[in-house]
Amino acid sequence: MKLIKNKLTILLSVILLISLISSCAANVGRDSVSTNETAETPAVAPAAVDMASGSTSAGMKDGYSYTQNTTGSFLPPIENESSLPNQDRKIIMTANVTMQTTEFEKALGGINDLVKQYGGYLERNSSYMGEYYDKVRRKSADIGVRIPADKYAEFMSAVSEVAYISNVSENATDVSQQYYDLESRLKTLRLQQDKYTDMLEKAGTMADSIEIEKALTEVIYQIESYTTNLERLKGQIDYSTINISVIEVYQISDEGNMPKTFWERLGNKLKSTGQDTLMLFENIIIGLISLLPIVFLLIPVILVILIVIKVRRNRIRRKEKAKEQENKESNPV
């Protein structure tokens, strides 16, 4: 009996040691796998997106489309695809879009409609309506959108029709290795959980049961932790993140369509000068009108000052005349 107990204790120790080594290896694996492996460029029109750097800047009025490769992902085939199950790449797509619009509320409504149309949801939505005392109360909004990954390209193309897009930056992060590593470790841990459960049912003593329960608890904790990480990763993969900044402007700035010839540049400069001159006169008129309350307050004060000055002058004149009269009377001719 004692020999069997010793063997059981040794077996439990070995299994617990294997479990701890597996946990440590998983942590190292998570740290060593970079989540910023960036994809190469998908086909984008009219502006090419540099997926290696994860950003692009372009003005797009007519929208754009994406072309996926034969594997169904935004990444080109890689040399070591055989190490991944079924060559199924796991990609997290993220985009940052800056819009300019002269119709702020209409643009926000258009974005909300597209989010509903493509089965997404708003992750955040904050709007700045301008301060009350701002001379130019330009509005802006910061919107975080989650869109199903298979609708990402369609949504990006559709949202470019809502307002003028002045800047776009995109990032494709390949998390395939991290994803399949988590799946593999979860499978291993569940097998260990089944073994511990069987051992717990066959335990002959209270001491053996306690040791097995400790090991089983550790395995269950690791399973829950890995499951949470995997579900979080799945959420990022299944729903792409698109951050949209909407800015209300007085006039759309389209640097890509700036005039090139001398006459075009001259005409544009004359037009700009005329607009600036008109705005100057408008500002002068507005400034004068804004001063009217102050003028109305100053008028009574000015009138009082003028009256006081006039009274003093009259007194001085009367005194001078009286003095002249006295001099004439004292020195008759």
C-alpha atoms as a PDB file:
ATOM      1  CA  MET A   1       0.000   0.000   0.000  1.00  0.00           C
ATOM      2  CA  LYS A   2       2.812   2.368   0.881  1.00  0.00           C
ATOM      3  CA  LEU A   3       4.590   1.547  -2.394  1.00  0.00           C
ATOM      4  CA  ILE A   4       1.424   2.302  -4.397  1.00  0.00           C
ATOM      5  CA  LYS A   5       0.992   5.592  -2.551  1.00  0.00           C
ATOM      6  CA  ASN A   6       4.593   6.580  -3.301  1.00  0.00           C
ATOM      7  CA  LYS A   7       4.125   5.780  -6.983  1.00  0.00           C
ATOM      8  CA  LEU A   8       0.904   7.792  -7.079  1.00  0.00           C
ATOM      9  CA  THR A   9       2.624  10.747  -5.432  1.00  0.00           C
ATOM     10  CA  ILE A  10       5.471  10.607  -7.952  1.00  0.00           C
ATOM     11  CA  LEU A  11       2.994  10.413 -10.842  1.00  0.00           C
ATOM     12  CA  LEU A  12       1.058  13.420  -9.562  1.00  0.00           C
ATOM     13  CA  SER A  13       4.281  15.381  -9.141  1.00  0.00           C
ATOM     14  CA  VAL A  14       5.334  14.626 -12.720  1.00  0.00           C
ATOM     15  CA  ILE A  15       1.933  15.661 -14.120  1.00  0.00           C
ATOM     16  CA  LEU A  16       1.935  18.883 -12.057  1.00  0.00           C
ATOM     17  CA  LEU A  17       5.471  19.657 -13.264  1.00  0.00           C
ATOM     18  CA  ILE A  18       4.401  19.140 -16.878  1.00  0.00           C
ATOM     19  CA  SER A  19       1.426  21.451 -16.309  1.00  0.00           C
ATOM     20  CA  LEU A  20       3.621  24.208 -14.859  1.00  0.00           C
ATOM     21  CA  ILE A  21       6.125  23.864 -17.728  1.00  0.00           C
ATOM     22  CA  SER A  22       3.242  24.121 -20.217  1.00  0.00           C
ATOM     23  CA  SER A  23       1.973  27.277 -18.489  1.00  0.00           C
ATOM     24  CA  CYS A  24       5.395  28.917 -18.570  1.00  0.00           C
ATOM     25  CA  ALA A  25       5.888  27.989 -22.213  1.00  0.00           C
ATOM     26  CA  ALA A  26       2.496  29.486 -23.073  1.00  0.00           C
ATOM     27  CA  ASN A  27       3.390  32.780 -21.399  1.00  0.00           C
ATOM     28  CA  VAL A  28       6.689  32.907 -23.268  1.00  0.00           C
ATOM     29  CA  GLY A  29       4.858  32.094 -26.486  1.00  0.00           C
ATOM     30  CA  ARG A  30       2.432  34.937 -25.963  1.00  0.00           C
ATOM     31  CA  ASP A  31       5.237  37.383 -25.302  1.00  0.00           C
ATOM     32  CA  SER A  32       7.318  36.249 -28.239  1.00  0.00           C
ATOM     33  CA  VAL A  33       4.529  36.359 -30.811  1.00  0.00           C
ATOM     34  CA  SER A  34       4.244  39.888 -32.139  1.00  0.00           C
ATOM     35  CA  THR A  35       0.769  41.151 -32.851  1.00  0.00           C
ATOM     36  CA  ASN A  36       2.127  43.805 -35.199  1.00  0.00           C
ATOM     37  CA  GLU A  37       3.105  41.613 -38.134  1.00  0.00           C
ATOM     38  CA  THR A  38       1.771  43.868 -40.849  1.00  0.00           C
ATOM     39  CA  ALA A  39       0.357  42.686 -44.141  1.00  0.00           C
ATOM     40  CA  GLU A  40       1.504  43.834 -47.526  1.00  0.00           C
ATOM     41  CA  THR A  41      -0.523  46.107 -49.755  1.00  0.00           C
ATOM     42  CA  PRO A  42      -3.938  45.099 -51.063  1.00  0.00           C
ATOM     43  CA  ALA A  43      -5.010  46.617 -54.332  1.00  0.00           C
ATOM     44  CA  VAL A  44      -6.508  50.024 -53.591  1.00  0.00           C
ATOM     45  CA  ALA A  45      -7.836  52.646 -55.939  1.00  0.00           C
ATOM     46  CA  PRO A  46      -7.372  55.518 -56.391  1.00  0.00           C
ATOM     47  CA  ALA A  47      -4.695  55.607 -53.695  1.00  0.00           C
ATOM     48  CA  ALA A  48      -2.413  52.689 -52.806  1.00  0.00           C
ATOM     49  CA  VAL A  49      -2.354  51.662 -49.178  1.00  0.00           C
ATOM     50  CA  ASP A  50       1.083  50.763 -47.855  1.00  0.00           C
ATOM     51  CA  MET A  51       0.155  47.899 -45.572  1.00  0.00           C
ATOM     52  CA  ALA A  52       3.787  47.386 -44.579  1.00  0.00           C
ATOM     53  CA  SER A  53       3.794  50.716 -42.828  1.00  0.00           C
ATOM     54  CA  GLY A  54       0.090  50.494 -42.106  1.00  0.00           C
ATOM     55  CA  SER A  55      -0.831  53.952 -43.356  1.00  0.00           C
ATOM     56  CA  THR A  56      -1.723  56.047 -46.338  1.00  0.00           C
ATOM     57  CA  SER A  57      -2.852  59.610 -46.933  1.00  0.00           C
ATOM     58  CA  ALA A  58      -5.146  60.407 -49.802  1.00  0.00           C
ATOM     59  CA  GLY A  59      -8.169  62.430 -50.833  1.00  0.00           C
ATOM     60  CA  MET A  60     -10.895  60.185 -52.208  1.00  0.00           C
ATOM     61  CA  LYS A  61     -14.185  61.447 -53.561  1.00  0.00           C
ATOM     62  CA  ASP A  62     -15.086  58.498 -55.761  1.00  0.00           C
ATOM     63  CA  GLY A  63     -14.444  55.744 -53.222  1.00  0.00           C
ATOM     64  CA  TYR A  64     -12.133  52.770 -53.577  1.00  0.00           C
ATOM     65  CA  SER A  65     -12.199  48.972 -53.589  1.00  0.00           C
ATOM     66  CA  TYR A  66     -10.118  46.090 -52.322  1.00  0.00           C
ATOM     67  CA  THR A  67      -8.876  42.941 -54.028  1.00  0.00           C
ATOM     68  CA  GLN A  68      -8.308  39.853 -51.904  1.00  0.00           C
ATOM     69  CA  ASN A  69      -5.995  36.986 -52.796  1.00  0.00           C
ATOM     70  CA  THR A  70      -7.047  33.394 -53.442  1.00  0.00           C
ATOM     71  CA  THR A  71      -6.763  32.433 -49.788  1.00  0.00           C
ATOM     72  CA  GLY A  72      -9.551  34.868 -48.918  1.00  0.00           C
ATOM     73  CA  SER A  73      -7.361  37.097 -46.750  1.00  0.00           C
ATOM     74  CA  PHE A  74      -5.786  40.491 -47.310  1.00  0.00           C
ATOM     75  CA  LEU A  75      -2.286  38.994 -47.039  1.00  0.00           C
ATOM     76  CA  PRO A  76      -0.297  37.389 -49.863  1.00  0.00           C
ATOM     77  CA  PRO A  77       0.674  33.719 -49.466  1.00  0.00           C
ATOM     78  CA  ILE A  78       3.635  33.067 -47.164  1.00  0.00           C
ATOM     79  CA  GLU A  79       6.375  30.483 -47.500  1.00  0.00           C
ATOM     80  CA  ASN A  80       5.599  28.616 -44.271  1.00  0.00           C
ATOM     81  CA  GLU A  81       1.841  28.243 -44.710  1.00  0.00           C
ATOM     82  CA  SER A  82       2.016  24.504 -44.098  1.00  0.00           C
ATOM     83  CA  SER A  83       2.546  25.159 -40.380  1.00  0.00           C
ATOM     84  CA  LEU A  84      -0.910  26.765 -40.115  1.00  0.00           C
ATOM     85  CA  PRO A  85      -4.122  24.670 -40.079  1.00  0.00           C
ATOM     86  CA  ASN A  86      -5.889  24.757 -43.467  1.00  0.00           C
ATOM     87  CA  GLN A  87      -3.841  27.827 -44.435  1.00  0.00           C
ATOM     88  CA  ASP A  88      -6.495  29.950 -42.695  1.00  0.00           C
ATOM     89  CA  ARG A  89      -4.906  33.293 -41.918  1.00  0.00           C
ATOM     90  CA  LYS A  90      -6.206  35.270 -38.945  1.00  0.00           C
ATOM     91  CA  ILE A  91      -6.067  38.988 -39.734  1.00  0.00           C
ATOM     92  CA  ILE A  92      -7.055  41.975 -37.587  1.00  0.00           C
ATOM     93  CA  MET A  93      -8.002  44.926 -39.797  1.00  0.00           C
ATOM     94  CA  THR A  94      -7.853  48.460 -38.385  1.00  0.00           C
ATOM     95  CA  ALA A  95      -8.444  51.741 -40.215  1.00  0.00           C
ATOM     96  CA  ASN A  96      -8.347  55.456 -39.359  1.00  0.00           C
ATOM     97  CA  VAL A  97     -10.399  57.748 -41.587  1.00  0.00           C
ATOM     98  CA  THR A  98     -10.511  61.561 -41.557  1.00  0.00           C
ATOM     99  CA  MET A  99     -13.466  63.257 -43.270  1.00  0.00           C
ATOM    100  CA  GLN A 100     -14.253  66.841 -44.210  1.00  0.00           C
ATOM    101  CA  THR A 101     -17.833  67.940 -44.708  1.00  0.00           C
ATOM    102  CA  THR A 102     -19.906  71.083 -45.023  1.00  0.00           C
ATOM    103  CA  GLU A 103     -23.010  69.143 -43.863  1.00  0.00           C
ATOM    104  CA  PHE A 104     -22.048  67.772 -40.456  1.00  0.00           C
ATOM    105  CA  GLU A 105     -25.354  66.243 -39.337  1.00  0.00           C
ATOM    106  CA  LYS A 106     -25.945  64.657 -42.743  1.00  0.00           C
ATOM    107  CA  ALA A 107     -22.514  63.012 -42.652  1.00  0.00           C
ATOM    108  CA  LEU A 108     -23.114  61.569 -39.169  1.00  0.00           C
ATOM    109  CA  GLY A 109     -26.473  60.226 -40.269  1.00  0.00           C
ATOM    110  CA  GLY A 110     -24.898  58.615 -43.326  1.00  0.00           C
ATOM    111  CA  ILE A 111     -22.258  56.857 -41.203  1.00  0.00           C
ATOM    112  CA  ASN A 112     -24.896  55.535 -38.774  1.00  0.00           C
ATOM    113  CA  ASP A 113     -26.971  54.203 -41.658  1.00  0.00           C
ATOM    114  CA  LEU A 114     -23.961  52.386 -43.148  1.00  0.00           C
ATOM    115  CA  VAL A 115     -23.065  50.833 -39.794  1.00  0.00           C
ATOM    116  CA  LYS A 116     -26.562  49.369 -39.516  1.00  0.00           C
ATOM    117  CA  GLN A 117     -26.589  48.318 -43.170  1.00  0.00           C
ATOM    118  CA  TYR A 118     -23.373  46.295 -42.827  1.00  0.00           C
ATOM    119  CA  GLY A 119     -24.280  44.680 -39.513  1.00  0.00           C
ATOM    120  CA  GLY A 120     -21.829  46.615 -37.360  1.00  0.00           C
ATOM    121  CA  TYR A 121     -22.132  48.681 -34.229  1.00  0.00           C
ATOM    122  CA  LEU A 122     -20.798  51.911 -32.716  1.00  0.00           C
ATOM    123  CA  GLU A 123     -18.057  51.285 -30.177  1.00  0.00           C
ATOM    124  CA  ARG A 124     -17.833  54.963 -29.239  1.00  0.00           C
ATOM    125  CA  ASN A 125     -19.253  58.265 -30.446  1.00  0.00           C
ATOM    126  CA  SER A 126     -18.210  61.677 -29.158  1.00  0.00           C
ATOM    127  CA  SER A 127     -19.158  64.988 -30.777  1.00  0.00           C
ATOM    128  CA  TYR A 128     -17.822  68.511 -30.284  1.00  0.00           C
ATOM    129  CA  MET A 129     -20.399  71.141 -31.169  1.00  0.00           C
ATOM    130  CA  GLY A 130     -18.181  74.194 -30.624  1.00  0.00           C
ATOM    131  CA  GLU A 131     -17.981  76.588 -27.698  1.00  0.00           C
ATOM    132  CA  TYR A 132     -20.750  79.166 -27.275  1.00  0.00           C
ATOM    133  CA  TYR A 133     -18.305  82.060 -27.479  1.00  0.00           C
ATOM    134  CA  ASP A 134     -16.338  80.689 -30.455  1.00  0.00           C
ATOM    135  CA  LYS A 135     -16.372  83.067 -33.416  1.00  0.00           C
ATOM    136  CA  VAL A 136     -16.381  80.066 -35.772  1.00  0.00           C
ATOM    137  CA  ARG A 137     -18.309  77.180 -34.176  1.00  0.00           C
ATOM    138  CA  ARG A 138     -16.959  74.301 -36.254  1.00  0.00           C
ATOM    139  CA  LYS A 139     -18.243  70.897 -35.236  1.00  0.00           C
ATOM    140  CA  SER A 140     -16.300  67.654 -35.088  1.00  0.00           C
ATOM    141  CA  ALA A 141     -16.946  64.032 -34.133  1.00  0.00           C
ATOM    142  CA  ASP A 142     -14.840  61.027 -33.184  1.00  0.00           C
ATOM    143  CA  ILE A 143     -16.551  57.730 -34.003  1.00  0.00           C
ATOM    144  CA  GLY A 144     -15.346  54.180 -33.347  1.00  0.00           C
ATOM    145  CA  VAL A 145     -17.033  51.588 -35.566  1.00  0.00           C
ATOM    146  CA  ARG A 146     -16.866  47.765 -35.504  1.00  0.00           C
ATOM    147  CA  ILE A 147     -17.752  46.106 -38.801  1.00  0.00           C
ATOM    148  CA  PRO A 148     -17.823  42.367 -39.652  1.00  0.00           C
ATOM    149  CA  ALA A 149     -14.487  41.478 -41.229  1.00  0.00           C
ATOM    150  CA  ASP A 150     -16.086  40.122 -44.395  1.00  0.00           C
ATOM    151  CA  LYS A 151     -17.844  43.482 -44.888  1.00  0.00           C
ATOM    152  CA  TYR A 152     -14.783  45.634 -44.191  1.00  0.00           C
ATOM    153  CA  ALA A 153     -13.884  46.398 -47.830  1.00  0.00           C
ATOM    154  CA  GLU A 154     -17.500  47.135 -48.765  1.00  0.00           C
ATOM    155  CA  PHE A 155     -17.961  49.457 -45.799  1.00  0.00           C
ATOM    156  CA  MET A 156     -14.739  51.351 -46.545  1.00  0.00           C
ATOM    157  CA  SER A 157     -15.839  51.833 -50.146  1.00  0.00           C
ATOM    158  CA  ALA A 158     -19.332  52.966 -49.116  1.00  0.00           C
ATOM    159  CA  VAL A 159     -18.190  55.334 -46.370  1.00  0.00           C
ATOM    160  CA  SER A 160     -16.042  57.235 -48.886  1.00  0.00           C
ATOM    161  CA  GLU A 161     -19.305  58.386 -50.514  1.00  0.00           C
ATOM    162  CA  VAL A 162     -20.608  59.961 -47.294  1.00  0.00           C
ATOM    163  CA  ALA A 163     -18.134  62.856 -47.226  1.00  0.00           C
ATOM    164  CA  TYR A 164     -14.777  63.931 -48.603  1.00  0.00           C
ATOM    165  CA  ILE A 165     -12.014  61.705 -47.196  1.00  0.00           C
ATOM    166  CA  SER A 166      -8.847  63.707 -46.632  1.00  0.00           C
ATOM    167  CA  ASN A 167      -6.798  60.946 -45.011  1.00  0.00           C
ATOM    168  CA  VAL A 168      -6.873  57.160 -44.597  1.00  0.00           C
ATOM    169  CA  SER A 169      -4.502  54.909 -42.674  1.00  0.00           C
ATOM    170  CA  GLU A 170      -4.960  51.142 -42.529  1.00  0.00           C
ATOM    171  CA  ASN A 171      -3.275  48.311 -40.706  1.00  0.00           C
ATOM    172  CA  ALA A 172      -3.554  44.537 -41.235  1.00  0.00           C
ATOM    173  CA  THR A 173      -2.125  42.551 -38.321  1.00  0.00           C
ATOM    174  CA  ASP A 174      -1.496  38.836 -38.810  1.00  0.00           C
ATOM    175  CA  VAL A 175      -2.225  37.002 -35.523  1.00  0.00           C
ATOM    176  CA  SER A 176      -2.452  33.507 -37.019  1.00  0.00           C
ATOM    177  CA  GLN A 177       0.429  32.078 -35.013  1.00  0.00           C
ATOM    178  CA  GLN A 178      -0.885  33.505 -31.757  1.00  0.00           C
ATOM    179  CA  TYR A 179      -4.428  32.285 -32.503  1.00  0.00           C
ATOM    180  CA  TYR A 180      -3.449  28.687 -33.292  1.00  0.00           C
ATOM    181  CA  ASP A 181      -0.998  28.607 -30.406  1.00  0.00           C
ATOM    182  CA  LEU A 182      -3.838  29.425 -28.008  1.00  0.00           C
ATOM    183  CA  GLU A 183      -6.064  26.787 -29.584  1.00  0.00           C
ATOM    184  CA  SER A 184      -3.319  24.150 -29.297  1.00  0.00           C
ATOM    185  CA  ARG A 185      -2.605  24.919 -25.671  1.00  0.00           C
ATOM    186  CA  LEU A 186      -6.297  24.857 -24.802  1.00  0.00           C
ATOM    187  CA  LYS A 187      -6.593  21.417 -26.384  1.00  0.00           C
ATOM    188  CA  THR A 188      -3.636  20.163 -24.328  1.00  0.00           C
ATOM    189  CA  LEU A 189      -5.008  21.633 -21.116  1.00  0.00           C
ATOM    190  CA  ARG A 190      -8.444  20.077 -21.660  1.00  0.00           C
ATOM    191  CA  LEU A 191      -6.811  16.661 -22.069  1.00  0.00           C
ATOM    192  CA  GLN A 192      -4.993  17.245 -18.787  1.00  0.00           C
ATOM    193  CA  GLN A 193      -8.286  18.273 -17.194  1.00  0.00           C
ATOM    194  CA  ASP A 194      -9.888  14.976 -18.273  1.00  0.00           C
ATOM    195  CA  LYS A 195      -6.953  12.980 -16.866  1.00  0.00           C
ATOM    196  CA  TYR A 196      -7.083  14.770 -13.530  1.00  0.00           C
ATOM    197  CA  THR A 197     -10.852  14.255 -13.353  1.00  0.00           C
ATOM    198  CA  ASP A 198     -10.433  10.515 -13.883  1.00  0.00           C
ATOM    199  CA  MET A 199      -7.646  10.369 -11.298  1.00  0.00           C
ATOM    200  CA  LEU A 200      -9.785  12.274  -8.807  1.00  0.00           C
ATOM    201  CA  GLU A 201     -12.576   9.709  -9.159  1.00  0.00           C
ATOM    202  CA  LYS A 202     -10.099   6.872  -8.534  1.00  0.00           C
ATOM    203  CA  ALA A 203      -8.193   8.512  -5.667  1.00  0.00           C
ATOM    204  CA  GLY A 204      -7.926   6.189  -2.696  1.00  0.00           C
ATOM    205  CA  THR A 205      -7.076   8.638   0.101  1.00  0.00           C
ATOM    206  CA  MET A 206      -8.004  12.154   1.165  1.00  0.00           C
ATOM    207  CA  ALA A 207      -4.390  13.303   0.685  1.00  0.00           C
ATOM    208  CA  ASP A 208      -4.384  12.057  -2.909  1.00  0.00           C
ATOM    209  CA  SER A 209      -7.689  13.807  -3.577  1.00  0.00           C
ATOM    210  CA  ILE A 210      -6.331  17.111  -2.245  1.00  0.00           C
ATOM    211  CA  GLU A 211      -3.213  16.893  -4.428  1.00  0.00           C
ATOM    212  CA  ILE A 212      -5.244  16.042  -7.530  1.00  0.00           C
ATOM    213  CA  GLU A 213      -7.746  18.857  -6.827  1.00  0.00           C
ATOM    214  CA  LYS A 214      -4.888  21.378  -6.561  1.00  0.00           C
ATOM    215  CA  ALA A 215      -3.512  20.294  -9.922  1.00  0.00           C
ATOM    216  CA  LEU A 216      -6.997  20.269 -11.460  1.00  0.00           C
ATOM    217  CA  THR A 217      -7.715  23.776 -10.143  1.00  0.00           C
ATOM    218  CA  GLU A 218      -4.508  25.088 -11.720  1.00  0.00           C
ATOM    219  CA  VAL A 219      -5.410  23.534 -15.071  1.00  0.00           C
ATOM    220  CA  ILE A 220      -8.949  24.961 -14.945  1.00  0.00           C
ATOM    221  CA  TYR A 221      -7.535  28.426 -14.173  1.00  0.00           C
ATOM    222  CA  GLN A 222      -5.229  28.212 -17.192  1.00  0.00           C
ATOM    223  CA  ILE A 223      -8.091  27.034 -19.418  1.00  0.00           C
ATOM    224  CA  GLU A 224     -10.230  30.010 -18.374  1.00  0.00           C
ATOM    225  CA  SER A 225      -7.356  32.418 -18.949  1.00  0.00           C
ATOM    226  CA  TYR A 226      -6.533  31.052 -22.403  1.00  0.00           C
ATOM    227  CA  THR A 227     -10.226  30.912 -23.341  1.00  0.00           C
ATOM    228  CA  THR A 228     -10.644  34.596 -22.437  1.00  0.00           C
ATOM    229  CA  ASN A 229      -7.613  35.557 -24.535  1.00  0.00           C
ATOM    230  CA  LEU A 230      -8.826  33.469 -27.467  1.00  0.00           C
ATOM    231  CA  GLU A 231     -12.342  34.962 -27.353  1.00  0.00           C
ATOM    232  CA  ARG A 232     -10.899  38.461 -27.220  1.00  0.00           C
ATOM    233  CA  LEU A 233      -8.722  37.682 -30.224  1.00  0.00           C
ATOM    234  CA  LYS A 234     -11.684  36.201 -32.110  1.00  0.00           C
ATOM    235  CA  GLY A 235     -13.648  39.406 -31.492  1.00  0.00           C
ATOM    236  CA  GLN A 236     -10.855  41.509 -32.981  1.00  0.00           C
ATOM    237  CA  ILE A 237     -10.577  39.194 -35.980  1.00  0.00           C
ATOM    238  CA  ASP A 238     -14.300  38.840 -36.679  1.00  0.00           C
ATOM    239  CA  TYR A 239     -15.034  42.570 -36.331  1.00  0.00           C
ATOM    240  CA  SER A 240     -12.684  45.101 -37.912  1.00  0.00           C
ATOM    241  CA  THR A 241     -12.153  48.429 -36.139  1.00  0.00           C
ATOM    242  CA  ILE A 242     -12.612  51.674 -38.060  1.00  0.00           C
ATOM    243  CA  ASN A 243     -11.946  55.015 -36.339  1.00  0.00           C
ATOM    244  CA  ILE A 244     -13.643  57.904 -38.129  1.00  0.00           C
ATOM    245  CA  SER A 245     -12.979  61.607 -37.509  1.00  0.00           C
ATOM    246  CA  VAL A 246     -15.579  63.931 -39.022  1.00  0.00           C
ATOM    247  CA  ILE A 247     -14.666  67.622 -39.271  1.00  0.00           C
ATOM    248  CA  GLU A 248     -17.017  70.388 -40.339  1.00  0.00           C
ATOM    249  CA  VAL A 249     -15.304  72.868 -42.685  1.00  0.00           C
ATOM    250  CA  TYR A 250     -16.281  76.082 -44.405  1.00  0.00           C
ATOM    251  CA  GLN A 251     -14.889  74.826 -47.697  1.00  0.00           C
ATOM    252  CA  ILE A 252     -13.582  71.408 -48.753  1.00  0.00           C
ATOM    253  CA  SER A 253      -9.812  71.451 -49.203  1.00  0.00           C
ATOM    254  CA  ASP A 254      -8.784  69.320 -52.163  1.00  0.00           C
ATOM    255  CA  GLU A 255      -5.051  69.750 -52.628  1.00  0.00           C
ATOM    256  CA  GLY A 256      -4.964  66.935 -55.169  1.00  0.00           C
ATOM    257  CA  ASN A 257      -7.051  69.024 -57.603  1.00  0.00           C
ATOM    258  CA  MET A 258      -5.105  72.279 -57.258  1.00  0.00           C
ATOM    259  CA  PRO A 259      -4.758  74.202 -60.576  1.00  0.00           C
ATOM    260  CA  LYS A 260      -1.510  73.568 -62.424  1.00  0.00           C
ATOM    261  CA  THR A 261      -1.340  76.127 -65.259  1.00  0.00           C
ATOM    262  CA  PHE A 262      -0.512  79.839 -64.861  1.00  0.00           C
ATOM    263  CA  TRP A 263      -4.018  81.008 -65.748  1.00  0.00           C
ATOM    264  CA  GLU A 264      -5.609  78.476 -63.423  1.00  0.00           C
ATOM    265  CA  ARG A 265      -3.363  79.568 -60.568  1.00  0.00           C
ATOM    266  CA  LEU A 266      -3.968  83.260 -61.396  1.00  0.00           C
ATOM    267  CA  GLY A 267      -7.730  82.762 -61.488  1.00  0.00           C
ATOM    268  CA  ASN A 268      -7.628  80.837 -58.246  1.00  0.00           C
ATOM    269  CA  LYS A 269      -5.539  83.570 -56.584  1.00  0.00           C
ATOM    270  CA  LEU A 270      -7.895  86.334 -57.780  1.00  0.00           C
ATOM    271  CA  LYS A 271     -10.854  84.348 -56.520  1.00  0.00           C
ATOM    272  CA  SER A 272      -9.130  83.803 -53.189  1.00  0.00           C
ATOM    273  CA  THR A 273      -8.203  87.509 -52.960  1.00  0.00           C
ATOM    274  CA  GLY A 274     -11.795  88.524 -53.691  1.00  0.00           C
ATOM    275  CA  GLN A 275     -13.083  86.160 -51.022  1.00  0.00           C
ATOM    276  CA  ASP A 276     -10.537  87.472 -48.509  1.00  0.00           C
ATOM    277  CA  THR A 277     -11.454  91.095 -49.295  1.00  0.00           C
ATOM    278  CA  LEU A 278     -15.157  90.372 -48.941  1.00  0.00           C
ATOM    279  CA  MET A 279     -14.518  88.586 -45.667  1.00  0.00           C
ATOM    280  CA  LEU A 280     -12.454  91.598 -44.462  1.00  0.00           C
ATOM    281  CA  PHE A 281     -15.351  93.996 -45.101  1.00  0.00           C
ATOM    282  CA  GLU A 282     -17.744  91.574 -43.457  1.00  0.00           C
ATOM    283  CA  ASN A 283     -15.501  91.386 -40.399  1.00  0.00           C
ATOM    284  CA  ILE A 284     -15.280  95.215 -40.244  1.00  0.00           C
ATOM    285  CA  ILE A 285     -19.063  95.549 -40.371  1.00  0.00           C
ATOM    286  CA  ILE A 286     -19.513  92.823 -37.792  1.00  0.00           C
ATOM    287  CA  GLY A 287     -16.885  94.473 -35.583  1.00  0.00           C
ATOM    288  CA  LEU A 288     -18.635  97.856 -35.792  1.00  0.00           C
ATOM    289  CA  ILE A 289     -21.967  96.279 -34.971  1.00  0.00           C
ATOM    290  CA  SER A 290     -20.431  94.459 -32.015  1.00  0.00           C
ATOM    291  CA  LEU A 291     -19.172  97.844 -30.716  1.00  0.00           C
ATOM    292  CA  LEU A 292     -22.640  99.439 -30.742  1.00  0.00           C
ATOM    293  CA  PRO A 293     -23.504  98.438 -27.136  1.00  0.00           C
ATOM    294  CA  ILE A 294     -20.273 100.045 -25.934  1.00  0.00           C
ATOM    295  CA  VAL A 295     -21.002 103.187 -27.953  1.00  0.00           C
ATOM    296  CA  PHE A 296     -24.486 103.448 -26.420  1.00  0.00           C
ATOM    297  CA  LEU A 297     -22.948 103.169 -22.964  1.00  0.00           C
ATOM    298  CA  LEU A 298     -20.305 105.803 -23.716  1.00  0.00           C
ATOM    299  CA  ILE A 299     -22.637 108.381 -25.248  1.00  0.00           C
ATOM    300  CA  PRO A 300     -24.107 109.605 -21.894  1.00  0.00           C
ATOM    301  CA  VAL A 301     -20.622 109.771 -20.393  1.00  0.00           C
ATOM    302  CA  ILE A 302     -19.314 111.757 -23.344  1.00  0.00           C
ATOM    303  CA  LEU A 303     -22.307 114.100 -23.167  1.00  0.00           C
ATOM    304  CA  VAL A 304     -21.709 114.724 -19.456  1.00  0.00           C
ATOM    305  CA  ILE A 305     -18.028 115.436 -20.105  1.00  0.00           C
ATOM    306  CA  LEU A 306     -18.892 117.860 -22.945  1.00  0.00           C
ATOM    307  CA  ILE A 307     -21.423 119.658 -20.766  1.00  0.00           C
ATOM    308  CA  VAL A 308     -18.920 120.017 -17.918  1.00  0.00           C
ATOM    309  CA  ILE A 309     -16.291 121.357 -20.320  1.00  0.00           C
ATOM    310  CA  LYS A 310     -18.773 123.835 -21.799  1.00  0.00           C
ATOM    311  CA  VAL A 311     -19.877 125.077 -18.359  1.00  0.00           C
ATOM    312  CA  ARG A 312     -16.272 125.584 -17.266  1.00  0.00           C
ATOM    313  CA  ARG A 313     -15.460 127.466 -20.459  1.00  0.00           C
ATOM    314  CA  ASN A 314     -18.507 129.721 -19.941  1.00  0.00           C
ATOM    315  CA  ARG A 315     -17.397 130.455 -16.365  1.00  0.00           C
ATOM    316  CA  ILE A 316     -13.891 131.291 -17.503  1.00  0.00           C
ATOM    317  CA  ARG A 317     -15.254 133.591 -20.218  1.00  0.00           C
ATOM    318  CA  ARG A 318     -17.565 135.350 -17.733  1.00  0.00           C
ATOM    319  CA  LYS A 319     -14.677 135.859 -15.330  1.00  0.00           C
ATOM    320  CA  GLU A 320     -12.506 137.273 -18.124  1.00  0.00           C
ATOM    321  CA  LYS A 321     -15.264 139.654 -19.221  1.00  0.00           C
ATOM    322  CA  ALA A 322     -15.863 140.781 -15.618  1.00  0.00           C
ATOM    323  CA  LYS A 323     -12.137 141.407 -15.180  1.00  0.00           C
ATOM    324  CA  GLU A 324     -11.971 143.425 -18.384  1.00  0.00           C
ATOM    325  CA  GLN A 325     -14.966 145.471 -17.238  1.00  0.00           C
ATOM    326  CA  GLU A 326     -13.310 146.230 -13.917  1.00  0.00           C
ATOM    327  CA  ASN A 327     -10.133 147.320 -15.676  1.00  0.00           C
ATOM    328  CA  LYS A 328     -12.092 149.682 -17.908  1.00  0.00           C
ATOM    329  CA  GLU A 329     -13.925 151.219 -14.935  1.00  0.00           C
ATOM    330  CA  SER A 330     -10.707 151.671 -12.928  1.00  0.00           C
ATOM    331  CA  ASN A 331      -8.865 153.226 -15.859  1.00  0.00           C
ATOM    332  CA  PRO A 332     -11.332 155.519 -17.637  1.00  0.00           C
ATOM    333  CA  VAL A 333     -10.041 157.200 -20.774  1.00  0.00           C
END
